[in-house]
Amino acid sequence: MNKYQDIAKKEGLEIIIDSKSGFCFGVKRAIDMAEKFMKEDNKLFSAGDIVHNDEEIKRLHNKGMQTVDIKTVNLEKGKTVLFRAHGEPPTSYKKMQDKGVNIIDATCPVVLKLQERVKKAWEEIKDSGGQIVIYGNKGHAEVVGLVGQTDNQAFVVENVEDIQQLEKNKETIVFSQTTKNRSGLDEIEEALKKYLVSEDILKVNRTICAQVGNRVPHLQEFVKNFDVVVFVAGAKSSNGRVLYEVCKGSNNNTFFASNREDINDNWFETLPAKVGVCGATSTPNWLMEEIAEEIVDKWVRIKNDLI
């Protein structure tokens, strides 16, 4: 039992951190690869934020990581760049290889397999005039990498309204960004069945990561056990926004925090007996622990003020 948990127990507060929250396999793998390299060479360039969490980025920057824009960066020959778990389009590999820059490819194996599937589907469908659809967030790093497998010809669909850009009579193959919501993909599929001239020309690949997708039903049940829930994620995390709304939908007393400074006294003014802490696939465990400690400090102070 951690020190803050011991204090909470003595004061009458039960606080639990969700054991299934935190880094997914792909993000943890990328960070492990980065830290291993920086033990030997303290200078590493990351093509974009290695994870959508500012607190974790600060920690890694202190170890020697520098985030760069792969489109504009001019790295010298022999330097090393890390391609994060989200993946990169083929043009990124070519640009770095042409400059003689070393690449640490930390693309999540799930994303890498999806890139290969998208590329294969595009090669098979392009000559017949078919269309590839990526259900995802426009501009998201993973989506940029997926679209790159199609010579940037794939259509990105964020919502039902976006399908209006598609041809109604063309063979249509759909893939999903791995961190999207399953219900959202279902909605897109149903809309496409009505929009296209025939369901026979539609193929939907359900490529949402199982590890991510399974968190939705788990969190829906987890948050029901608490008087107050604090969901921890970076402000830029797509997965964080989705999962926060999932938690909020099952427990209205769910609050969002990116760091310990975000913790608000008002959340605990009624001295809730049970508080849950959970987070996104981009949320480090150490940050959830830090926020849990802050919650206990605030709860105890509020309790003492009421005495």
C-alpha atoms as a PDB file:
ATOM      1  CA  MET A   1       0.000   0.000   0.000  1.00  0.00           C
ATOM      2  CA  ASN A   2       1.357   3.428  -0.980  1.00  0.00           C
ATOM      3  CA  LYS A   3       1.759   6.151   1.652  1.00  0.00           C
ATOM      4  CA  TYR A   4      -1.191   8.181   0.293  1.00  0.00           C
ATOM      5  CA  GLN A   5      -3.409   5.076   0.323  1.00  0.00           C
ATOM      6  CA  ASP A   6      -2.485   4.431   3.939  1.00  0.00           C
ATOM      7  CA  ILE A   7      -3.385   8.018   4.834  1.00  0.00           C
ATOM      8  CA  ALA A   8      -6.663   7.772   2.895  1.00  0.00           C
ATOM      9  CA  LYS A   9      -7.649   4.586   4.683  1.00  0.00           C
ATOM     10  CA  LYS A  10      -7.008   6.097   8.105  1.00  0.00           C
ATOM     11  CA  GLU A  11      -9.062   9.176   7.206  1.00  0.00           C
ATOM     12  CA  GLY A  12     -12.004   7.186   5.841  1.00  0.00           C
ATOM     13  CA  LEU A  13     -11.452   7.621   2.106  1.00  0.00           C
ATOM     14  CA  GLU A  14     -11.288   4.749  -0.356  1.00  0.00           C
ATOM     15  CA  ILE A  15      -9.305   5.672  -3.484  1.00  0.00           C
ATOM     16  CA  ILE A  16      -8.641   3.198  -6.273  1.00  0.00           C
ATOM     17  CA  ILE A  17      -6.627   3.545  -9.477  1.00  0.00           C
ATOM     18  CA  ASP A  18      -8.002   1.472 -12.340  1.00  0.00           C
ATOM     19  CA  SER A  19      -5.490  -1.319 -12.969  1.00  0.00           C
ATOM     20  CA  LYS A  20      -6.486  -1.547 -16.643  1.00  0.00           C
ATOM     21  CA  SER A  21      -5.933   2.138 -17.396  1.00  0.00           C
ATOM     22  CA  GLY A  22      -2.659   3.609 -18.600  1.00  0.00           C
ATOM     23  CA  PHE A  23      -0.360   2.970 -21.519  1.00  0.00           C
ATOM     24  CA  CYS A  24      -1.484   0.506 -24.134  1.00  0.00           C
ATOM     25  CA  PHE A  25       1.088  -2.002 -25.384  1.00  0.00           C
ATOM     26  CA  GLY A  26       2.122   0.091 -28.384  1.00  0.00           C
ATOM     27  CA  VAL A  27       2.790   3.283 -26.432  1.00  0.00           C
ATOM     28  CA  LYS A  28       4.662   1.464 -23.662  1.00  0.00           C
ATOM     29  CA  ARG A  29       6.797  -0.304 -26.261  1.00  0.00           C
ATOM     30  CA  ALA A  30       7.678   2.985 -27.978  1.00  0.00           C
ATOM     31  CA  ILE A  31       8.657   4.654 -24.705  1.00  0.00           C
ATOM     32  CA  ASP A  32      10.725   1.638 -23.642  1.00  0.00           C
ATOM     33  CA  MET A  33      12.572   1.777 -26.989  1.00  0.00           C
ATOM     34  CA  ALA A  34      13.218   5.496 -26.571  1.00  0.00           C
ATOM     35  CA  GLU A  35      14.508   5.159 -23.011  1.00  0.00           C
ATOM     36  CA  LYS A  36      16.773   2.241 -23.953  1.00  0.00           C
ATOM     37  CA  PHE A  37      18.369   4.327 -26.706  1.00  0.00           C
ATOM     38  CA  MET A  38      18.788   7.374 -24.474  1.00  0.00           C
ATOM     39  CA  LYS A  39      20.700   5.343 -21.904  1.00  0.00           C
ATOM     40  CA  GLU A  40      23.429   4.922 -24.516  1.00  0.00           C
ATOM     41  CA  ASP A  41      23.047   8.220 -26.348  1.00  0.00           C
ATOM     42  CA  ASN A  42      21.225  11.042 -24.585  1.00  0.00           C
ATOM     43  CA  LYS A  43      20.090  12.735 -27.810  1.00  0.00           C
ATOM     44  CA  LEU A  44      17.047  11.359 -29.588  1.00  0.00           C
ATOM     45  CA  PHE A  45      14.627  13.083 -31.919  1.00  0.00           C
ATOM     46  CA  SER A  46      10.981  12.044 -31.921  1.00  0.00           C
ATOM     47  CA  ALA A  47       8.898  12.590 -35.065  1.00  0.00           C
ATOM     48  CA  GLY A  48       6.023  14.301 -33.287  1.00  0.00           C
ATOM     49  CA  ASP A  49       5.020  13.760 -29.660  1.00  0.00           C
ATOM     50  CA  ILE A  50       5.815  10.175 -28.715  1.00  0.00           C
ATOM     51  CA  VAL A  51       2.595  10.165 -26.683  1.00  0.00           C
ATOM     52  CA  HIS A  52      -0.250  12.670 -26.379  1.00  0.00           C
ATOM     53  CA  ASN A  53       0.512  13.526 -22.792  1.00  0.00           C
ATOM     54  CA  ASP A  54       2.423  16.700 -21.941  1.00  0.00           C
ATOM     55  CA  GLU A  55       3.569  15.449 -18.540  1.00  0.00           C
ATOM     56  CA  GLU A  56       5.181  12.339 -20.013  1.00  0.00           C
ATOM     57  CA  ILE A  57       6.718  14.423 -22.799  1.00  0.00           C
ATOM     58  CA  LYS A  58       8.353  16.689 -20.187  1.00  0.00           C
ATOM     59  CA  ARG A  59       9.777  13.651 -18.405  1.00  0.00           C
ATOM     60  CA  LEU A  60      11.263  12.250 -21.607  1.00  0.00           C
ATOM     61  CA  HIS A  61      12.592  15.638 -22.731  1.00  0.00           C
ATOM     62  CA  ASN A  62      14.522  15.785 -19.460  1.00  0.00           C
ATOM     63  CA  LYS A  63      16.154  12.502 -20.459  1.00  0.00           C
ATOM     64  CA  GLY A  64      17.284  13.865 -23.834  1.00  0.00           C
ATOM     65  CA  MET A  65      14.365  13.521 -26.219  1.00  0.00           C
ATOM     66  CA  GLN A  66      13.513  16.376 -28.573  1.00  0.00           C
ATOM     67  CA  THR A  67      10.220  16.475 -30.463  1.00  0.00           C
ATOM     68  CA  VAL A  68      10.525  17.565 -34.108  1.00  0.00           C
ATOM     69  CA  ASP A  69       8.195  18.104 -37.052  1.00  0.00           C
ATOM     70  CA  ILE A  70       9.078  15.424 -39.584  1.00  0.00           C
ATOM     71  CA  LYS A  71       7.868  17.631 -42.445  1.00  0.00           C
ATOM     72  CA  THR A  72      10.200  20.543 -41.723  1.00  0.00           C
ATOM     73  CA  VAL A  73      13.074  19.190 -39.628  1.00  0.00           C
ATOM     74  CA  ASN A  74      16.543  19.162 -41.164  1.00  0.00           C
ATOM     75  CA  LEU A  75      18.457  16.531 -39.218  1.00  0.00           C
ATOM     76  CA  GLU A  76      22.129  15.912 -39.887  1.00  0.00           C
ATOM     77  CA  LYS A  77      23.395  12.616 -41.250  1.00  0.00           C
ATOM     78  CA  GLY A  78      23.985  10.078 -38.503  1.00  0.00           C
ATOM     79  CA  LYS A  79      21.380  11.508 -36.122  1.00  0.00           C
ATOM     80  CA  THR A  80      18.601   9.237 -34.853  1.00  0.00           C
ATOM     81  CA  VAL A  81      14.876   9.805 -35.135  1.00  0.00           C
ATOM     82  CA  LEU A  82      12.165   7.735 -33.503  1.00  0.00           C
ATOM     83  CA  PHE A  83       8.939   7.000 -35.362  1.00  0.00           C
ATOM     84  CA  ARG A  84       6.325   6.751 -32.607  1.00  0.00           C
ATOM     85  CA  ALA A  85       3.616   4.133 -32.096  1.00  0.00           C
ATOM     86  CA  HIS A  86       1.154   6.038 -34.311  1.00  0.00           C
ATOM     87  CA  GLY A  87       3.205   5.193 -37.396  1.00  0.00           C
ATOM     88  CA  GLU A  88       4.412   7.277 -40.330  1.00  0.00           C
ATOM     89  CA  PRO A  89       3.631   7.404 -44.070  1.00  0.00           C
ATOM     90  CA  PRO A  90       6.187   6.017 -46.573  1.00  0.00           C
ATOM     91  CA  THR A  91       7.354   9.534 -47.415  1.00  0.00           C
ATOM     92  CA  SER A  92       8.741   9.961 -43.887  1.00  0.00           C
ATOM     93  CA  TYR A  93      10.915   6.860 -44.220  1.00  0.00           C
ATOM     94  CA  LYS A  94      12.236   7.993 -47.585  1.00  0.00           C
ATOM     95  CA  LYS A  95      13.029  11.504 -46.351  1.00  0.00           C
ATOM     96  CA  MET A  96      15.043  10.257 -43.385  1.00  0.00           C
ATOM     97  CA  GLN A  97      16.809   7.540 -45.378  1.00  0.00           C
ATOM     98  CA  ASP A  98      17.771  10.022 -48.098  1.00  0.00           C
ATOM     99  CA  LYS A  99      19.346  12.256 -45.432  1.00  0.00           C
ATOM    100  CA  GLY A 100      21.233   9.372 -43.846  1.00  0.00           C
ATOM    101  CA  VAL A 101      19.290   9.678 -40.602  1.00  0.00           C
ATOM    102  CA  ASN A 102      18.956   6.536 -38.485  1.00  0.00           C
ATOM    103  CA  ILE A 103      15.408   5.411 -37.732  1.00  0.00           C
ATOM    104  CA  ILE A 104      14.101   3.699 -34.621  1.00  0.00           C
ATOM    105  CA  ASP A 105      10.775   2.366 -35.835  1.00  0.00           C
ATOM    106  CA  ALA A 106       8.489   2.168 -32.803  1.00  0.00           C
ATOM    107  CA  THR A 107       5.300   1.851 -34.844  1.00  0.00           C
ATOM    108  CA  CYS A 108       2.810  -0.208 -32.848  1.00  0.00           C
ATOM    109  CA  PRO A 109       2.625  -3.741 -34.346  1.00  0.00           C
ATOM    110  CA  VAL A 110      -1.168  -3.376 -34.536  1.00  0.00           C
ATOM    111  CA  VAL A 111      -0.833  -0.131 -36.505  1.00  0.00           C
ATOM    112  CA  LEU A 112       1.918  -1.581 -38.691  1.00  0.00           C
ATOM    113  CA  LYS A 113      -0.294  -4.523 -39.641  1.00  0.00           C
ATOM    114  CA  LEU A 114      -3.132  -2.114 -40.393  1.00  0.00           C
ATOM    115  CA  GLN A 115      -0.847  -0.044 -42.642  1.00  0.00           C
ATOM    116  CA  GLU A 116       0.021  -3.194 -44.557  1.00  0.00           C
ATOM    117  CA  ARG A 117      -3.661  -4.097 -44.962  1.00  0.00           C
ATOM    118  CA  VAL A 118      -4.531  -0.603 -46.188  1.00  0.00           C
ATOM    119  CA  LYS A 119      -1.663  -0.647 -48.689  1.00  0.00           C
ATOM    120  CA  LYS A 120      -2.644  -4.085 -49.983  1.00  0.00           C
ATOM    121  CA  ALA A 121      -6.301  -3.070 -50.345  1.00  0.00           C
ATOM    122  CA  TRP A 122      -5.292   0.075 -52.226  1.00  0.00           C
ATOM    123  CA  GLU A 123      -3.067  -1.867 -54.607  1.00  0.00           C
ATOM    124  CA  GLU A 124      -5.929  -4.241 -55.341  1.00  0.00           C
ATOM    125  CA  ILE A 125      -8.641  -1.613 -55.786  1.00  0.00           C
ATOM    126  CA  LYS A 126      -6.998   1.421 -57.396  1.00  0.00           C
ATOM    127  CA  ASP A 127      -6.929   0.142 -60.978  1.00  0.00           C
ATOM    128  CA  SER A 128     -10.651  -0.609 -60.887  1.00  0.00           C
ATOM    129  CA  GLY A 129     -11.404   2.877 -59.575  1.00  0.00           C
ATOM    130  CA  GLY A 130     -12.449   1.835 -56.079  1.00  0.00           C
ATOM    131  CA  GLN A 131     -12.126   4.014 -52.990  1.00  0.00           C
ATOM    132  CA  ILE A 132     -10.489   3.535 -49.596  1.00  0.00           C
ATOM    133  CA  VAL A 133     -12.121   5.134 -46.570  1.00  0.00           C
ATOM    134  CA  ILE A 134     -10.377   5.716 -43.243  1.00  0.00           C
ATOM    135  CA  TYR A 135     -12.713   6.316 -40.316  1.00  0.00           C
ATOM    136  CA  GLY A 136     -10.638   8.535 -38.067  1.00  0.00           C
ATOM    137  CA  ASN A 137      -9.628  12.032 -37.034  1.00  0.00           C
ATOM    138  CA  LYS A 138      -8.329  14.204 -39.843  1.00  0.00           C
ATOM    139  CA  GLY A 139      -4.715  15.144 -39.239  1.00  0.00           C
ATOM    140  CA  HIS A 140      -4.203  12.533 -36.517  1.00  0.00           C
ATOM    141  CA  ALA A 141      -0.728  10.995 -36.801  1.00  0.00           C
ATOM    142  CA  GLU A 142      -2.016   7.447 -37.241  1.00  0.00           C
ATOM    143  CA  VAL A 143      -4.494   8.536 -39.898  1.00  0.00           C
ATOM    144  CA  VAL A 144      -1.784  10.441 -41.808  1.00  0.00           C
ATOM    145  CA  GLY A 145       0.284   7.261 -41.828  1.00  0.00           C
ATOM    146  CA  LEU A 146      -2.653   5.189 -43.092  1.00  0.00           C
ATOM    147  CA  VAL A 147      -3.588   7.639 -45.829  1.00  0.00           C
ATOM    148  CA  GLY A 148       0.054   7.631 -46.908  1.00  0.00           C
ATOM    149  CA  GLN A 149      -0.258   3.930 -47.785  1.00  0.00           C
ATOM    150  CA  THR A 150      -2.693   4.925 -50.556  1.00  0.00           C
ATOM    151  CA  ASP A 151      -0.559   7.638 -52.191  1.00  0.00           C
ATOM    152  CA  ASN A 152      -2.714  10.062 -50.175  1.00  0.00           C
ATOM    153  CA  GLN A 153      -5.825   9.051 -52.136  1.00  0.00           C
ATOM    154  CA  ALA A 154      -7.868   7.617 -49.253  1.00  0.00           C
ATOM    155  CA  PHE A 155     -10.851   9.551 -47.939  1.00  0.00           C
ATOM    156  CA  VAL A 156     -10.883  10.394 -44.235  1.00  0.00           C
ATOM    157  CA  VAL A 157     -14.318  10.242 -42.647  1.00  0.00           C
ATOM    158  CA  GLU A 158     -14.866  11.647 -39.158  1.00  0.00           C
ATOM    159  CA  ASN A 159     -18.662  11.491 -39.094  1.00  0.00           C
ATOM    160  CA  VAL A 160     -21.692  10.492 -41.123  1.00  0.00           C
ATOM    161  CA  GLU A 161     -21.817  13.870 -42.898  1.00  0.00           C
ATOM    162  CA  ASP A 162     -18.347  13.268 -44.354  1.00  0.00           C
ATOM    163  CA  ILE A 163     -19.492  10.346 -46.503  1.00  0.00           C
ATOM    164  CA  GLN A 164     -21.028  12.861 -48.916  1.00  0.00           C
ATOM    165  CA  GLN A 165     -17.547  13.247 -50.439  1.00  0.00           C
ATOM    166  CA  LEU A 166     -17.616   9.630 -51.660  1.00  0.00           C
ATOM    167  CA  GLU A 167     -18.759   8.289 -55.005  1.00  0.00           C
ATOM    168  CA  LYS A 168     -21.971   6.298 -54.586  1.00  0.00           C
ATOM    169  CA  ASN A 169     -21.271   3.673 -57.213  1.00  0.00           C
ATOM    170  CA  LYS A 170     -17.651   2.751 -56.474  1.00  0.00           C
ATOM    171  CA  GLU A 171     -16.355  -0.248 -54.596  1.00  0.00           C
ATOM    172  CA  THR A 172     -15.648   1.009 -51.085  1.00  0.00           C
ATOM    173  CA  ILE A 173     -13.289  -0.484 -48.524  1.00  0.00           C
ATOM    174  CA  VAL A 174     -13.374   0.947 -45.007  1.00  0.00           C
ATOM    175  CA  PHE A 175     -10.715   0.797 -42.296  1.00  0.00           C
ATOM    176  CA  SER A 176     -10.752   2.444 -38.883  1.00  0.00           C
ATOM    177  CA  GLN A 177      -8.166   4.333 -36.899  1.00  0.00           C
ATOM    178  CA  THR A 178      -7.258   1.861 -34.140  1.00  0.00           C
ATOM    179  CA  THR A 179      -8.346   4.134 -31.273  1.00  0.00           C
ATOM    180  CA  LYS A 180     -11.821   5.055 -32.508  1.00  0.00           C
ATOM    181  CA  ASN A 181     -15.059   4.090 -30.814  1.00  0.00           C
ATOM    182  CA  ARG A 182     -16.808   0.929 -32.011  1.00  0.00           C
ATOM    183  CA  SER A 183     -20.229   2.550 -31.939  1.00  0.00           C
ATOM    184  CA  GLY A 184     -18.924   5.309 -34.214  1.00  0.00           C
ATOM    185  CA  LEU A 185     -17.728   2.762 -36.765  1.00  0.00           C
ATOM    186  CA  ASP A 186     -21.100   1.006 -36.604  1.00  0.00           C
ATOM    187  CA  GLU A 187     -22.790   4.323 -37.362  1.00  0.00           C
ATOM    188  CA  ILE A 188     -20.539   4.951 -40.364  1.00  0.00           C
ATOM    189  CA  GLU A 189     -21.197   1.449 -41.693  1.00  0.00           C
ATOM    190  CA  GLU A 190     -24.977   1.834 -41.465  1.00  0.00           C
ATOM    191  CA  ALA A 191     -24.831   5.228 -43.171  1.00  0.00           C
ATOM    192  CA  LEU A 192     -22.693   3.845 -46.008  1.00  0.00           C
ATOM    193  CA  LYS A 193     -25.123   0.976 -46.576  1.00  0.00           C
ATOM    194  CA  LYS A 194     -27.826   3.559 -47.247  1.00  0.00           C
ATOM    195  CA  TYR A 195     -25.604   5.960 -49.190  1.00  0.00           C
ATOM    196  CA  LEU A 196     -23.967   3.576 -51.663  1.00  0.00           C
ATOM    197  CA  VAL A 197     -25.948   2.192 -54.592  1.00  0.00           C
ATOM    198  CA  SER A 198     -25.582  -1.309 -53.173  1.00  0.00           C
ATOM    199  CA  GLU A 199     -24.330  -2.928 -49.984  1.00  0.00           C
ATOM    200  CA  ASP A 200     -22.501  -5.426 -52.201  1.00  0.00           C
ATOM    201  CA  ILE A 201     -19.815  -2.859 -53.075  1.00  0.00           C
ATOM    202  CA  LEU A 202     -19.053  -2.120 -49.393  1.00  0.00           C
ATOM    203  CA  LYS A 203     -16.489  -3.901 -47.224  1.00  0.00           C
ATOM    204  CA  VAL A 204     -15.912  -2.707 -43.665  1.00  0.00           C
ATOM    205  CA  ASN A 205     -12.789  -3.843 -41.828  1.00  0.00           C
ATOM    206  CA  ARG A 206     -13.210  -3.603 -38.075  1.00  0.00           C
ATOM    207  CA  THR A 207      -9.682  -2.496 -37.244  1.00  0.00           C
ATOM    208  CA  ILE A 208     -10.229  -0.845 -33.859  1.00  0.00           C
ATOM    209  CA  CYS A 209      -7.587  -2.156 -31.459  1.00  0.00           C
ATOM    210  CA  ALA A 210      -9.117  -4.779 -29.154  1.00  0.00           C
ATOM    211  CA  GLN A 211      -7.078  -3.518 -26.198  1.00  0.00           C
ATOM    212  CA  VAL A 212      -8.474  -0.036 -26.717  1.00  0.00           C
ATOM    213  CA  GLY A 213     -11.986  -1.111 -27.634  1.00  0.00           C
ATOM    214  CA  ASN A 214     -12.302  -3.339 -24.572  1.00  0.00           C
ATOM    215  CA  ARG A 215     -11.614  -0.382 -22.306  1.00  0.00           C
ATOM    216  CA  VAL A 216     -14.984   1.134 -23.088  1.00  0.00           C
ATOM    217  CA  PRO A 217     -17.158  -1.546 -21.440  1.00  0.00           C
ATOM    218  CA  HIS A 218     -14.598  -1.920 -18.653  1.00  0.00           C
ATOM    219  CA  LEU A 219     -14.611   1.799 -17.799  1.00  0.00           C
ATOM    220  CA  GLN A 220     -18.386   1.961 -18.012  1.00  0.00           C
ATOM    221  CA  GLU A 221     -18.521  -0.554 -15.173  1.00  0.00           C
ATOM    222  CA  PHE A 222     -15.492   0.758 -13.264  1.00  0.00           C
ATOM    223  CA  VAL A 223     -16.804   4.303 -12.805  1.00  0.00           C
ATOM    224  CA  LYS A 224     -20.159   3.121 -11.425  1.00  0.00           C
ATOM    225  CA  ASN A 225     -18.408   2.043  -8.225  1.00  0.00           C
ATOM    226  CA  PHE A 226     -17.414   5.552  -7.126  1.00  0.00           C
ATOM    227  CA  ASP A 227     -18.927   8.758  -5.807  1.00  0.00           C
ATOM    228  CA  VAL A 228     -16.386  10.779  -7.804  1.00  0.00           C
ATOM    229  CA  VAL A 229     -14.116   9.766 -10.677  1.00  0.00           C
ATOM    230  CA  VAL A 230     -11.063  11.640 -11.928  1.00  0.00           C
ATOM    231  CA  PHE A 231     -10.137  10.784 -15.500  1.00  0.00           C
ATOM    232  CA  VAL A 232      -6.500  11.527 -16.342  1.00  0.00           C
ATOM    233  CA  ALA A 233      -5.363  12.267 -19.888  1.00  0.00           C
ATOM    234  CA  GLY A 234      -3.482  14.758 -22.016  1.00  0.00           C
ATOM    235  CA  ALA A 235      -5.520  17.566 -23.545  1.00  0.00           C
ATOM    236  CA  LYS A 236      -4.377  16.480 -27.028  1.00  0.00           C
ATOM    237  CA  SER A 237      -5.246  12.811 -26.592  1.00  0.00           C
ATOM    238  CA  SER A 238      -7.944  11.644 -29.017  1.00  0.00           C
ATOM    239  CA  ASN A 239      -8.365   8.427 -27.065  1.00  0.00           C
ATOM    240  CA  GLY A 240      -8.551  10.462 -23.863  1.00  0.00           C
ATOM    241  CA  ARG A 241     -11.451  12.569 -25.104  1.00  0.00           C
ATOM    242  CA  VAL A 242     -13.365   9.481 -26.201  1.00  0.00           C
ATOM    243  CA  LEU A 243     -12.843   7.555 -22.963  1.00  0.00           C
ATOM    244  CA  TYR A 244     -13.578  10.578 -20.793  1.00  0.00           C
ATOM    245  CA  GLU A 245     -16.996  10.921 -22.455  1.00  0.00           C
ATOM    246  CA  VAL A 246     -17.555   7.201 -21.895  1.00  0.00           C
ATOM    247  CA  CYS A 247     -16.852   7.637 -18.177  1.00  0.00           C
ATOM    248  CA  LYS A 248     -18.945  10.795 -17.944  1.00  0.00           C
ATOM    249  CA  GLY A 249     -21.843   8.977 -19.564  1.00  0.00           C
ATOM    250  CA  SER A 250     -21.805   6.291 -16.862  1.00  0.00           C
ATOM    251  CA  ASN A 251     -20.986   8.537 -13.916  1.00  0.00           C
ATOM    252  CA  ASN A 252     -21.830  12.230 -14.168  1.00  0.00           C
ATOM    253  CA  ASN A 253     -19.436  12.982 -11.305  1.00  0.00           C
ATOM    254  CA  THR A 254     -16.465  12.309 -13.580  1.00  0.00           C
ATOM    255  CA  PHE A 255     -13.903  15.092 -13.940  1.00  0.00           C
ATOM    256  CA  PHE A 256     -11.017  15.569 -16.372  1.00  0.00           C
ATOM    257  CA  ALA A 257      -7.451  16.318 -15.270  1.00  0.00           C
ATOM    258  CA  SER A 258      -4.204  16.565 -17.222  1.00  0.00           C
ATOM    259  CA  ASN A 259      -1.990  17.122 -14.184  1.00  0.00           C
ATOM    260  CA  ARG A 260      -2.214  17.593 -10.419  1.00  0.00           C
ATOM    261  CA  GLU A 261      -2.761  21.344 -10.824  1.00  0.00           C
ATOM    262  CA  ASP A 262      -6.099  20.585 -12.505  1.00  0.00           C
ATOM    263  CA  ILE A 263      -7.534  18.961  -9.381  1.00  0.00           C
ATOM    264  CA  ASN A 264     -10.347  21.162  -8.073  1.00  0.00           C
ATOM    265  CA  ASP A 265     -11.369  21.375  -4.412  1.00  0.00           C
ATOM    266  CA  ASN A 266     -15.017  21.658  -5.465  1.00  0.00           C
ATOM    267  CA  TRP A 267     -14.975  18.059  -6.694  1.00  0.00           C
ATOM    268  CA  PHE A 268     -14.514  16.820  -3.126  1.00  0.00           C
ATOM    269  CA  GLU A 269     -16.388  19.370  -1.026  1.00  0.00           C
ATOM    270  CA  THR A 270     -18.998  16.725  -0.102  1.00  0.00           C
ATOM    271  CA  LEU A 271     -16.203  14.408   1.099  1.00  0.00           C
ATOM    272  CA  PRO A 272     -17.032  11.494  -1.241  1.00  0.00           C
ATOM    273  CA  ALA A 273     -16.296   8.173   0.422  1.00  0.00           C
ATOM    274  CA  LYS A 274     -15.092   6.447  -2.737  1.00  0.00           C
ATOM    275  CA  VAL A 275     -12.967   8.052  -5.457  1.00  0.00           C
ATOM    276  CA  GLY A 276     -11.796   6.334  -8.626  1.00  0.00           C
ATOM    277  CA  VAL A 277      -8.887   7.344 -10.848  1.00  0.00           C
ATOM    278  CA  CYS A 278      -8.592   6.111 -14.417  1.00  0.00           C
ATOM    279  CA  GLY A 279      -7.045   7.245 -17.681  1.00  0.00           C
ATOM    280  CA  ALA A 280      -6.401   6.928 -21.387  1.00  0.00           C
ATOM    281  CA  THR A 281      -4.057   4.647 -23.330  1.00  0.00           C
ATOM    282  CA  SER A 282      -1.646   7.592 -23.409  1.00  0.00           C
ATOM    283  CA  THR A 283      -1.697   8.198 -19.647  1.00  0.00           C
ATOM    284  CA  PRO A 284       1.380   7.118 -17.655  1.00  0.00           C
ATOM    285  CA  ASN A 285       0.790   5.188 -14.455  1.00  0.00           C
ATOM    286  CA  TRP A 286       3.108   7.496 -12.512  1.00  0.00           C
ATOM    287  CA  LEU A 287       0.824  10.430 -13.360  1.00  0.00           C
ATOM    288  CA  MET A 288      -2.299   8.641 -12.111  1.00  0.00           C
ATOM    289  CA  GLU A 289      -0.412   7.858  -8.888  1.00  0.00           C
ATOM    290  CA  GLU A 290       0.614  11.510  -8.556  1.00  0.00           C
ATOM    291  CA  ILE A 291      -2.950  12.710  -9.064  1.00  0.00           C
ATOM    292  CA  ALA A 292      -4.301  10.161  -6.579  1.00  0.00           C
ATOM    293  CA  GLU A 293      -1.850  11.513  -4.016  1.00  0.00           C
ATOM    294  CA  GLU A 294      -3.038  15.072  -4.736  1.00  0.00           C
ATOM    295  CA  ILE A 295      -6.666  13.989  -4.336  1.00  0.00           C
ATOM    296  CA  VAL A 296      -5.948  12.514  -0.912  1.00  0.00           C
ATOM    297  CA  ASP A 297      -4.151  15.694   0.180  1.00  0.00           C
ATOM    298  CA  LYS A 298      -7.098  17.858  -0.875  1.00  0.00           C
ATOM    299  CA  TRP A 299      -9.696  15.503   0.618  1.00  0.00           C
ATOM    300  CA  VAL A 300      -7.959  15.415   3.991  1.00  0.00           C
ATOM    301  CA  ARG A 301      -7.495  19.199   4.025  1.00  0.00           C
ATOM    302  CA  ILE A 302     -11.196  19.749   3.213  1.00  0.00           C
ATOM    303  CA  LYS A 303     -12.178  17.290   5.953  1.00  0.00           C
ATOM    304  CA  ASN A 304      -9.998  19.091   8.514  1.00  0.00           C
ATOM    305  CA  ASP A 305     -11.441  22.459   7.488  1.00  0.00           C
ATOM    306  CA  LEU A 306     -14.931  21.147   8.207  1.00  0.00           C
ATOM    307  CA  ILE A 307     -14.065  19.980  11.725  1.00  0.00           C
END
